[in-house]
């Protein structure tokens, strides 16, 4: 293959192409991480805390968290900070941990926000709505009216 054994320019092109494919393959992680944060109530916990919340405080505030999974909250928050849903703030006063804060985007996920996007987020990322996307290729090959019918066996409103 020319791109594998080719010039440095071709190698860079291959790496960019691979990066492009991988970004699309793994883009679902951002939306599923956001849904997870909403399901766990993380935006409301940070809001209720009233000041930047450390990872330790956040883990302790998650009432239904399985203790064996607490170590994974850091990775979840890292994705969500990177995606702009939470920010990190230095706490000072000898505290080594940063605190997590809300952003404009995460304020739209608060349950008491009249403009809350949480119900729409939960409905659009519900497995019943997501499953038809897994059947899109099959739908193009059959006579069903929609990929929802292919996945669920009936129309959406049925």
N, C-alpha and C. Protein backbone atom coordinates (compact mmCIF):
# COMPACT_ATOMS: atom_id res chain seq x y z
N UNK A 1 0.85 -1.18 0.00
CA UNK A 1 0.00 0.00 0.00
C UNK A 1 0.89 1.23 0.00
N UNK A 2 0.64 2.16 -0.92
CA UNK A 2 1.49 3.34 -1.07
C UNK A 2 1.56 4.18 0.19
N UNK A 3 0.41 4.33 0.89
CA UNK A 3 0.40 5.20 2.06
C UNK A 3 1.24 4.64 3.19
N UNK A 4 1.32 3.32 3.31
CA UNK A 4 2.09 2.71 4.39
C UNK A 4 3.58 2.79 4.11
N UNK A 5 3.98 2.52 2.90
CA UNK A 5 5.40 2.49 2.55
C UNK A 5 5.87 3.76 1.86
N UNK A 6 5.03 4.80 1.83
CA UNK A 6 5.34 6.00 1.07
C UNK A 6 6.10 7.04 1.85
N UNK A 7 6.02 8.24 1.35
CA UNK A 7 6.74 9.38 1.91
C UNK A 7 6.15 9.80 3.24
N UNK A 8 6.87 10.72 3.87
CA UNK A 8 6.38 11.27 5.15
C UNK A 8 5.03 11.94 4.96
N UNK A 9 4.82 12.58 3.83
CA UNK A 9 3.55 13.23 3.53
C UNK A 9 2.42 12.20 3.48
N UNK A 10 2.68 11.05 2.87
CA UNK A 10 1.67 10.00 2.80
C UNK A 10 1.40 9.40 4.18
N UNK A 11 2.43 9.29 4.99
CA UNK A 11 2.25 8.77 6.35
C UNK A 11 1.39 9.73 7.16
N UNK A 12 1.65 11.03 7.03
CA UNK A 12 0.82 12.04 7.72
C UNK A 12 -0.62 11.98 7.24
N UNK A 13 -0.81 11.78 5.94
CA UNK A 13 -2.16 11.66 5.39
C UNK A 13 -2.87 10.44 5.97
N UNK A 14 -2.15 9.34 6.08
CA UNK A 14 -2.72 8.12 6.66
C UNK A 14 -3.11 8.36 8.12
N UNK A 15 -2.25 9.00 8.88
CA UNK A 15 -2.54 9.28 10.29
C UNK A 15 -3.75 10.21 10.42
N UNK A 16 -3.86 11.21 9.57
CA UNK A 16 -5.01 12.11 9.61
C UNK A 16 -6.29 11.36 9.24
N UNK A 17 -6.20 10.49 8.24
CA UNK A 17 -7.37 9.70 7.85
C UNK A 17 -7.79 8.77 8.97
N UNK A 18 -6.81 8.12 9.60
CA UNK A 18 -7.11 7.22 10.71
C UNK A 18 -7.73 8.00 11.88
N UNK A 19 -7.20 9.16 12.17
CA UNK A 19 -7.74 10.00 13.23
C UNK A 19 -9.19 10.39 12.93
N UNK A 20 -9.46 10.72 11.68
CA UNK A 20 -10.81 11.10 11.26
C UNK A 20 -11.79 9.94 11.48
N UNK A 21 -11.39 8.75 11.06
CA UNK A 21 -12.24 7.56 11.24
C UNK A 21 -12.45 7.30 12.73
N UNK A 22 -11.38 7.32 13.50
CA UNK A 22 -11.49 7.03 14.93
C UNK A 22 -12.36 8.07 15.65
N UNK A 23 -12.22 9.34 15.28
CA UNK A 23 -13.06 10.37 15.91
C UNK A 23 -14.54 10.09 15.68
N UNK A 24 -14.89 9.64 14.48
CA UNK A 24 -16.28 9.30 14.22
C UNK A 24 -16.70 8.02 14.94
N UNK A 25 -15.83 7.04 14.99
CA UNK A 25 -16.16 5.78 15.66
C UNK A 25 -16.45 6.00 17.14
N UNK A 26 -15.68 6.86 17.77
CA UNK A 26 -15.79 7.03 19.22
C UNK A 26 -16.57 8.26 19.64
N UNK A 27 -17.19 8.96 18.71
CA UNK A 27 -17.92 10.17 19.07
C UNK A 27 -19.12 9.88 19.98
N UNK A 28 -19.64 8.68 19.95
CA UNK A 28 -20.76 8.32 20.82
C UNK A 28 -20.38 8.41 22.30
N UNK A 29 -19.10 8.31 22.61
CA UNK A 29 -18.65 8.33 24.01
C UNK A 29 -19.02 9.65 24.67
N UNK A 30 -18.94 10.74 23.94
CA UNK A 30 -19.28 12.04 24.53
C UNK A 30 -20.75 12.10 24.92
N UNK A 31 -21.64 11.68 24.02
CA UNK A 31 -23.06 11.77 24.34
C UNK A 31 -23.45 10.77 25.42
N UNK A 32 -22.86 9.58 25.40
CA UNK A 32 -23.19 8.60 26.44
C UNK A 32 -22.62 9.02 27.80
N UNK A 33 -21.47 9.68 27.81
CA UNK A 33 -20.91 10.20 29.06
C UNK A 33 -21.79 11.30 29.62
N UNK A 34 -22.31 12.14 28.74
CA UNK A 34 -23.21 13.20 29.17
C UNK A 34 -24.49 12.60 29.76
N UNK A 35 -25.04 11.61 29.10
CA UNK A 35 -26.24 10.94 29.62
C UNK A 35 -25.95 10.31 30.98
N UNK A 36 -24.80 9.71 31.12
CA UNK A 36 -24.41 9.11 32.40
C UNK A 36 -24.36 10.16 33.50
N UNK A 37 -23.77 11.31 33.22
CA UNK A 37 -23.68 12.39 34.21
C UNK A 37 -25.07 12.85 34.64
N UNK A 38 -25.98 12.96 33.67
CA UNK A 38 -27.35 13.36 33.97
C UNK A 38 -28.04 12.27 34.79
N UNK A 39 -27.87 11.01 34.38
CA UNK A 39 -28.48 9.90 35.13
C UNK A 39 -27.99 9.85 36.57
N UNK A 40 -26.72 10.18 36.78
CA UNK A 40 -26.17 10.18 38.14
C UNK A 40 -26.51 11.46 38.91
N UNK A 41 -27.01 12.47 38.22
CA UNK A 41 -27.36 13.73 38.88
C UNK A 41 -26.19 14.65 39.14
N UNK A 42 -25.10 14.48 38.40
CA UNK A 42 -23.89 15.25 38.67
C UNK A 42 -24.09 16.76 38.53
N UNK A 43 -24.77 17.26 37.50
CA UNK A 43 -24.96 18.73 37.45
C UNK A 43 -25.67 19.27 38.69
N UNK A 44 -26.72 18.60 39.13
CA UNK A 44 -27.46 19.06 40.31
C UNK A 44 -26.62 18.94 41.59
N UNK A 45 -25.79 17.93 41.68
CA UNK A 45 -24.92 17.77 42.85
C UNK A 45 -23.93 18.94 42.93
N UNK A 46 -23.34 19.30 41.79
CA UNK A 46 -22.39 20.41 41.77
C UNK A 46 -23.11 21.71 42.13
N UNK A 47 -24.29 21.91 41.56
CA UNK A 47 -25.08 23.12 41.87
C UNK A 47 -25.42 23.18 43.35
N UNK A 48 -25.89 22.10 43.90
CA UNK A 48 -26.29 22.05 45.31
C UNK A 48 -25.09 22.28 46.23
N UNK A 49 -23.91 21.86 45.82
CA UNK A 49 -22.70 22.02 46.63
C UNK A 49 -22.39 23.50 46.87
N UNK A 50 -22.75 24.35 45.91
CA UNK A 50 -22.62 25.78 46.11
C UNK A 50 -21.24 26.37 45.90
N UNK A 51 -20.28 25.55 45.66
CA UNK A 51 -18.90 25.99 45.39
C UNK A 51 -18.24 24.87 44.60
N UNK A 52 -17.04 25.10 44.07
CA UNK A 52 -16.38 24.02 43.33
C UNK A 52 -16.28 22.74 44.17
N UNK A 53 -16.60 21.62 43.57
CA UNK A 53 -16.63 20.35 44.29
C UNK A 53 -15.44 19.49 43.86
N UNK A 54 -14.74 18.95 44.83
CA UNK A 54 -13.61 18.08 44.52
C UNK A 54 -14.14 16.72 44.07
N UNK A 55 -13.27 15.96 43.44
CA UNK A 55 -13.65 14.62 43.02
C UNK A 55 -14.07 13.78 44.23
N UNK A 56 -13.33 13.90 45.31
CA UNK A 56 -13.66 13.14 46.54
C UNK A 56 -15.05 13.52 47.04
N UNK A 57 -15.35 14.81 47.07
CA UNK A 57 -16.67 15.26 47.52
C UNK A 57 -17.76 14.79 46.56
N UNK A 58 -17.47 14.82 45.28
CA UNK A 58 -18.44 14.38 44.28
C UNK A 58 -18.76 12.90 44.45
N UNK A 59 -17.74 12.09 44.59
CA UNK A 59 -17.94 10.65 44.78
C UNK A 59 -18.79 10.39 46.02
N UNK A 60 -18.51 11.10 47.10
CA UNK A 60 -19.28 10.92 48.34
C UNK A 60 -20.73 11.39 48.19
N UNK A 61 -20.97 12.33 47.28
CA UNK A 61 -22.32 12.87 47.08
C UNK A 61 -23.16 12.04 46.13
N UNK A 62 -22.57 11.05 45.47
CA UNK A 62 -23.32 10.20 44.54
C UNK A 62 -23.96 9.07 45.34
N UNK A 63 -25.24 9.19 45.65
CA UNK A 63 -25.88 8.26 46.58
C UNK A 63 -25.99 6.82 46.10
N UNK A 64 -26.08 6.61 44.80
CA UNK A 64 -26.29 5.25 44.30
C UNK A 64 -25.04 4.65 43.68
N UNK A 65 -23.90 5.31 43.84
CA UNK A 65 -22.66 4.85 43.22
C UNK A 65 -22.17 3.58 43.88
N UNK A 66 -21.90 2.57 43.07
CA UNK A 66 -21.27 1.35 43.56
C UNK A 66 -19.84 1.71 43.97
N UNK A 67 -19.45 1.48 45.23
CA UNK A 67 -18.12 1.88 45.70
C UNK A 67 -16.97 1.32 44.87
N UNK A 68 -17.16 0.17 44.26
CA UNK A 68 -16.08 -0.41 43.45
C UNK A 68 -15.87 0.35 42.14
N UNK A 69 -16.81 1.23 41.79
CA UNK A 69 -16.71 1.99 40.54
C UNK A 69 -16.32 3.44 40.78
N UNK A 70 -16.14 3.83 42.02
CA UNK A 70 -15.82 5.22 42.35
C UNK A 70 -14.57 5.71 41.65
N UNK A 71 -13.61 4.83 41.46
CA UNK A 71 -12.35 5.22 40.82
C UNK A 71 -12.54 5.61 39.36
N UNK A 72 -13.67 5.27 38.76
CA UNK A 72 -13.92 5.59 37.35
C UNK A 72 -14.60 6.94 37.15
N UNK A 73 -15.05 7.56 38.22
CA UNK A 73 -15.69 8.87 38.10
C UNK A 73 -14.70 9.90 37.56
N UNK A 74 -13.43 9.75 37.90
CA UNK A 74 -12.42 10.68 37.38
C UNK A 74 -12.40 10.66 35.85
N UNK A 75 -12.43 9.47 35.24
CA UNK A 75 -12.41 9.39 33.78
C UNK A 75 -13.66 10.01 33.18
N UNK A 76 -14.80 9.75 33.81
CA UNK A 76 -16.06 10.34 33.33
C UNK A 76 -15.97 11.86 33.36
N UNK A 77 -15.51 12.41 34.47
CA UNK A 77 -15.42 13.86 34.59
C UNK A 77 -14.38 14.42 33.63
N UNK A 78 -13.34 13.68 33.38
CA UNK A 78 -12.31 14.14 32.45
C UNK A 78 -12.88 14.31 31.04
N UNK A 79 -13.69 13.35 30.60
CA UNK A 79 -14.35 13.44 29.29
C UNK A 79 -15.29 14.64 29.27
N UNK A 80 -16.04 14.83 30.34
CA UNK A 80 -17.03 15.90 30.38
C UNK A 80 -16.39 17.28 30.49
N UNK A 81 -15.26 17.38 31.16
CA UNK A 81 -14.52 18.65 31.18
C UNK A 81 -13.97 18.93 29.79
N UNK A 82 -13.40 17.92 29.17
CA UNK A 82 -12.85 18.07 27.81
C UNK A 82 -13.94 18.49 26.82
N UNK A 83 -15.15 17.99 27.02
CA UNK A 83 -16.28 18.30 26.15
C UNK A 83 -16.94 19.64 26.48
N UNK A 84 -16.50 20.30 27.55
CA UNK A 84 -17.02 21.61 27.91
C UNK A 84 -18.26 21.60 28.78
N UNK A 85 -18.62 20.45 29.33
CA UNK A 85 -19.80 20.40 30.18
C UNK A 85 -19.52 20.76 31.63
N UNK A 86 -18.30 20.61 32.06
CA UNK A 86 -17.88 21.05 33.38
C UNK A 86 -16.53 21.72 33.24
N UNK A 87 -16.22 22.56 34.22
CA UNK A 87 -14.92 23.19 34.26
C UNK A 87 -14.18 22.73 35.50
N UNK A 88 -12.88 22.99 35.51
CA UNK A 88 -12.07 22.70 36.69
C UNK A 88 -11.52 24.01 37.21
N UNK A 89 -11.48 24.12 38.53
CA UNK A 89 -11.04 25.36 39.15
C UNK A 89 -10.09 25.04 40.29
N UNK A 90 -8.98 25.76 40.36
CA UNK A 90 -8.05 25.61 41.48
C UNK A 90 -8.74 26.09 42.75
N UNK A 91 -8.57 25.35 43.84
CA UNK A 91 -9.22 25.70 45.09
C UNK A 91 -8.32 26.53 46.01
N UNK A 92 -7.02 26.37 45.89
CA UNK A 92 -6.10 27.13 46.73
C UNK A 92 -6.12 26.66 48.18
N UNK A 93 -5.58 27.45 49.07
CA UNK A 93 -5.54 27.16 50.50
C UNK A 93 -5.00 25.77 50.81
N UNK A 94 -3.99 25.35 50.08
CA UNK A 94 -3.35 24.06 50.35
C UNK A 94 -4.11 22.85 49.87
N UNK A 95 -5.25 23.04 49.21
CA UNK A 95 -6.02 21.93 48.67
C UNK A 95 -5.39 21.53 47.34
N UNK A 96 -4.96 20.29 47.25
CA UNK A 96 -4.28 19.84 46.04
C UNK A 96 -5.25 19.52 44.91
N UNK A 97 -6.46 19.10 45.25
CA UNK A 97 -7.44 18.75 44.22
C UNK A 97 -8.05 20.01 43.61
N UNK A 98 -8.36 19.95 42.31
CA UNK A 98 -9.16 20.99 41.68
C UNK A 98 -10.62 20.71 42.01
N UNK A 99 -11.45 21.72 41.86
CA UNK A 99 -12.88 21.55 42.04
C UNK A 99 -13.59 21.62 40.70
N UNK A 100 -14.65 20.88 40.57
CA UNK A 100 -15.46 20.92 39.35
C UNK A 100 -16.54 21.98 39.50
N UNK A 101 -16.78 22.70 38.41
CA UNK A 101 -17.80 23.75 38.39
C UNK A 101 -18.69 23.55 37.18
N UNK A 102 -19.87 24.15 37.25
CA UNK A 102 -20.79 24.11 36.12
C UNK A 102 -20.32 25.07 35.03
N UNK A 103 -20.70 24.77 33.81
CA UNK A 103 -20.50 25.68 32.68
C UNK A 103 -21.89 26.10 32.19
N UNK A 104 -21.94 26.98 31.23
CA UNK A 104 -23.24 27.39 30.66
C UNK A 104 -23.99 26.17 30.13
N UNK A 105 -23.25 25.24 29.52
CA UNK A 105 -23.90 24.03 28.97
C UNK A 105 -24.46 23.15 30.08
N UNK A 106 -23.72 22.94 31.15
CA UNK A 106 -24.22 22.06 32.21
C UNK A 106 -25.35 22.71 33.00
N UNK A 107 -25.43 24.03 32.98
CA UNK A 107 -26.56 24.70 33.64
C UNK A 107 -27.88 24.36 32.92
N UNK A 108 -27.79 24.03 31.63
CA UNK A 108 -28.97 23.61 30.88
C UNK A 108 -29.41 22.20 31.23
N UNK A 109 -28.64 21.52 32.07
CA UNK A 109 -28.96 20.15 32.47
C UNK A 109 -29.48 20.08 33.90
N UNK A 110 -29.60 21.22 34.56
CA UNK A 110 -30.12 21.24 35.93
C UNK A 110 -31.61 20.95 35.92
N UNK A 111 -32.05 20.15 36.85
CA UNK A 111 -33.46 19.77 36.90
C UNK A 111 -34.38 20.95 37.17
N UNK A 112 -33.92 21.95 37.93
CA UNK A 112 -34.79 23.08 38.25
C UNK A 112 -34.69 24.22 37.23
N UNK A 113 -33.93 24.03 36.17
CA UNK A 113 -33.82 25.04 35.12
C UNK A 113 -35.06 24.94 34.23
N UNK A 114 -35.83 26.03 34.09
CA UNK A 114 -37.02 25.94 33.23
C UNK A 114 -36.68 25.65 31.76
N UNK A 115 -35.44 25.90 31.37
CA UNK A 115 -35.00 25.60 30.00
C UNK A 115 -34.20 24.30 29.95
N UNK A 116 -34.37 23.46 30.93
CA UNK A 116 -33.58 22.22 31.03
C UNK A 116 -33.68 21.38 29.76
N UNK A 117 -32.52 20.95 29.28
CA UNK A 117 -32.45 20.07 28.11
C UNK A 117 -32.44 18.60 28.52
N UNK A 118 -32.51 18.34 29.82
CA UNK A 118 -32.41 16.97 30.32
C UNK A 118 -33.49 16.04 29.77
N UNK A 119 -34.77 16.42 29.78
CA UNK A 119 -35.78 15.49 29.23
C UNK A 119 -35.52 15.15 27.76
N UNK A 120 -35.13 16.15 26.98
CA UNK A 120 -34.86 15.90 25.56
C UNK A 120 -33.63 15.01 25.39
N UNK A 121 -32.58 15.29 26.17
CA UNK A 121 -31.36 14.48 26.13
C UNK A 121 -31.68 13.02 26.46
N UNK A 122 -32.43 12.81 27.53
CA UNK A 122 -32.77 11.43 27.94
C UNK A 122 -33.62 10.73 26.88
N UNK A 123 -34.54 11.46 26.26
CA UNK A 123 -35.38 10.80 25.26
C UNK A 123 -34.59 10.50 23.98
N UNK A 124 -33.75 11.41 23.54
CA UNK A 124 -32.99 11.19 22.30
C UNK A 124 -31.91 10.11 22.46
N UNK A 125 -31.43 9.90 23.68
CA UNK A 125 -30.40 8.89 23.91
C UNK A 125 -30.96 7.61 24.52
N UNK A 126 -32.27 7.49 24.57
CA UNK A 126 -32.90 6.28 25.06
C UNK A 126 -32.61 5.13 24.10
N UNK A 127 -32.37 3.93 24.62
CA UNK A 127 -32.06 2.79 23.74
C UNK A 127 -33.10 2.54 22.65
N UNK A 128 -34.37 2.80 22.91
CA UNK A 128 -35.40 2.58 21.90
C UNK A 128 -35.21 3.52 20.72
N UNK A 129 -34.75 4.73 20.98
CA UNK A 129 -34.50 5.70 19.91
C UNK A 129 -33.15 5.44 19.24
N UNK A 130 -32.18 4.98 20.01
CA UNK A 130 -30.83 4.75 19.47
C UNK A 130 -30.74 3.47 18.65
N UNK A 131 -31.49 2.45 19.03
CA UNK A 131 -31.37 1.15 18.36
C UNK A 131 -31.58 1.20 16.85
N UNK A 132 -32.55 1.97 16.33
CA UNK A 132 -32.72 2.00 14.87
C UNK A 132 -31.47 2.43 14.11
N UNK A 133 -30.63 3.23 14.72
CA UNK A 133 -29.40 3.64 14.05
C UNK A 133 -28.49 2.44 13.80
N UNK A 134 -28.57 1.42 14.63
CA UNK A 134 -27.79 0.20 14.44
C UNK A 134 -28.31 -0.63 13.27
N UNK A 135 -29.54 -0.34 12.84
CA UNK A 135 -30.18 -1.10 11.77
C UNK A 135 -30.26 -0.33 10.45
N UNK A 136 -29.60 0.80 10.37
CA UNK A 136 -29.70 1.63 9.18
C UNK A 136 -29.24 0.89 7.93
N UNK A 137 -28.14 0.17 8.00
CA UNK A 137 -27.66 -0.60 6.85
C UNK A 137 -28.66 -1.65 6.43
N UNK A 138 -29.25 -2.35 7.38
CA UNK A 138 -30.27 -3.36 7.09
C UNK A 138 -31.50 -2.72 6.47
N UNK A 139 -31.90 -1.56 7.00
CA UNK A 139 -33.08 -0.86 6.49
C UNK A 139 -32.93 -0.51 5.01
N UNK A 140 -31.72 -0.10 4.60
CA UNK A 140 -31.50 0.23 3.19
C UNK A 140 -31.65 -0.99 2.29
N UNK A 141 -31.61 -2.17 2.86
CA UNK A 141 -31.69 -3.40 2.07
C UNK A 141 -33.07 -4.07 2.13
N UNK A 142 -34.01 -3.50 2.89
CA UNK A 142 -35.33 -4.13 3.01
C UNK A 142 -36.44 -3.17 2.59
N UNK A 143 -37.69 -3.56 2.79
CA UNK A 143 -38.84 -2.77 2.37
C UNK A 143 -39.51 -2.01 3.51
N UNK A 144 -38.93 -2.01 4.71
CA UNK A 144 -39.54 -1.31 5.84
C UNK A 144 -39.57 0.20 5.57
N UNK A 145 -40.60 0.86 6.12
CA UNK A 145 -40.75 2.30 5.91
C UNK A 145 -39.66 3.11 6.60
N UNK A 146 -39.24 2.66 7.78
CA UNK A 146 -38.22 3.39 8.54
C UNK A 146 -37.28 2.38 9.20
N UNK A 147 -36.13 2.87 9.63
CA UNK A 147 -35.22 1.98 10.37
C UNK A 147 -35.77 1.67 11.75
N UNK A 148 -36.68 2.50 12.24
CA UNK A 148 -37.34 2.21 13.51
C UNK A 148 -38.17 0.93 13.38
N UNK A 149 -38.88 0.78 12.27
CA UNK A 149 -39.66 -0.44 12.01
C UNK A 149 -38.73 -1.64 11.92
N UNK A 150 -37.61 -1.47 11.25
CA UNK A 150 -36.65 -2.58 11.13
C UNK A 150 -36.17 -3.01 12.51
N UNK A 151 -35.89 -2.06 13.39
CA UNK A 151 -35.35 -2.38 14.72
C UNK A 151 -36.44 -2.84 15.68
N UNK A 152 -37.60 -2.20 15.65
CA UNK A 152 -38.61 -2.43 16.68
C UNK A 152 -39.82 -3.26 16.20
N UNK A 153 -39.94 -3.41 14.88
CA UNK A 153 -41.06 -4.20 14.36
C UNK A 153 -42.36 -3.46 14.26
N UNK A 154 -42.37 -2.17 14.57
CA UNK A 154 -43.57 -1.33 14.46
C UNK A 154 -43.16 0.13 14.32
N UNK A 155 -44.13 0.95 13.90
CA UNK A 155 -43.87 2.37 13.73
C UNK A 155 -43.65 3.03 15.10
N UNK A 156 -42.98 4.14 15.09
CA UNK A 156 -42.64 4.85 16.32
C UNK A 156 -43.88 5.13 17.19
N UNK A 157 -44.93 5.64 16.62
CA UNK A 157 -46.10 6.04 17.41
C UNK A 157 -47.00 4.86 17.76
N UNK A 158 -46.68 3.68 17.23
CA UNK A 158 -47.44 2.48 17.62
C UNK A 158 -46.94 1.97 18.94
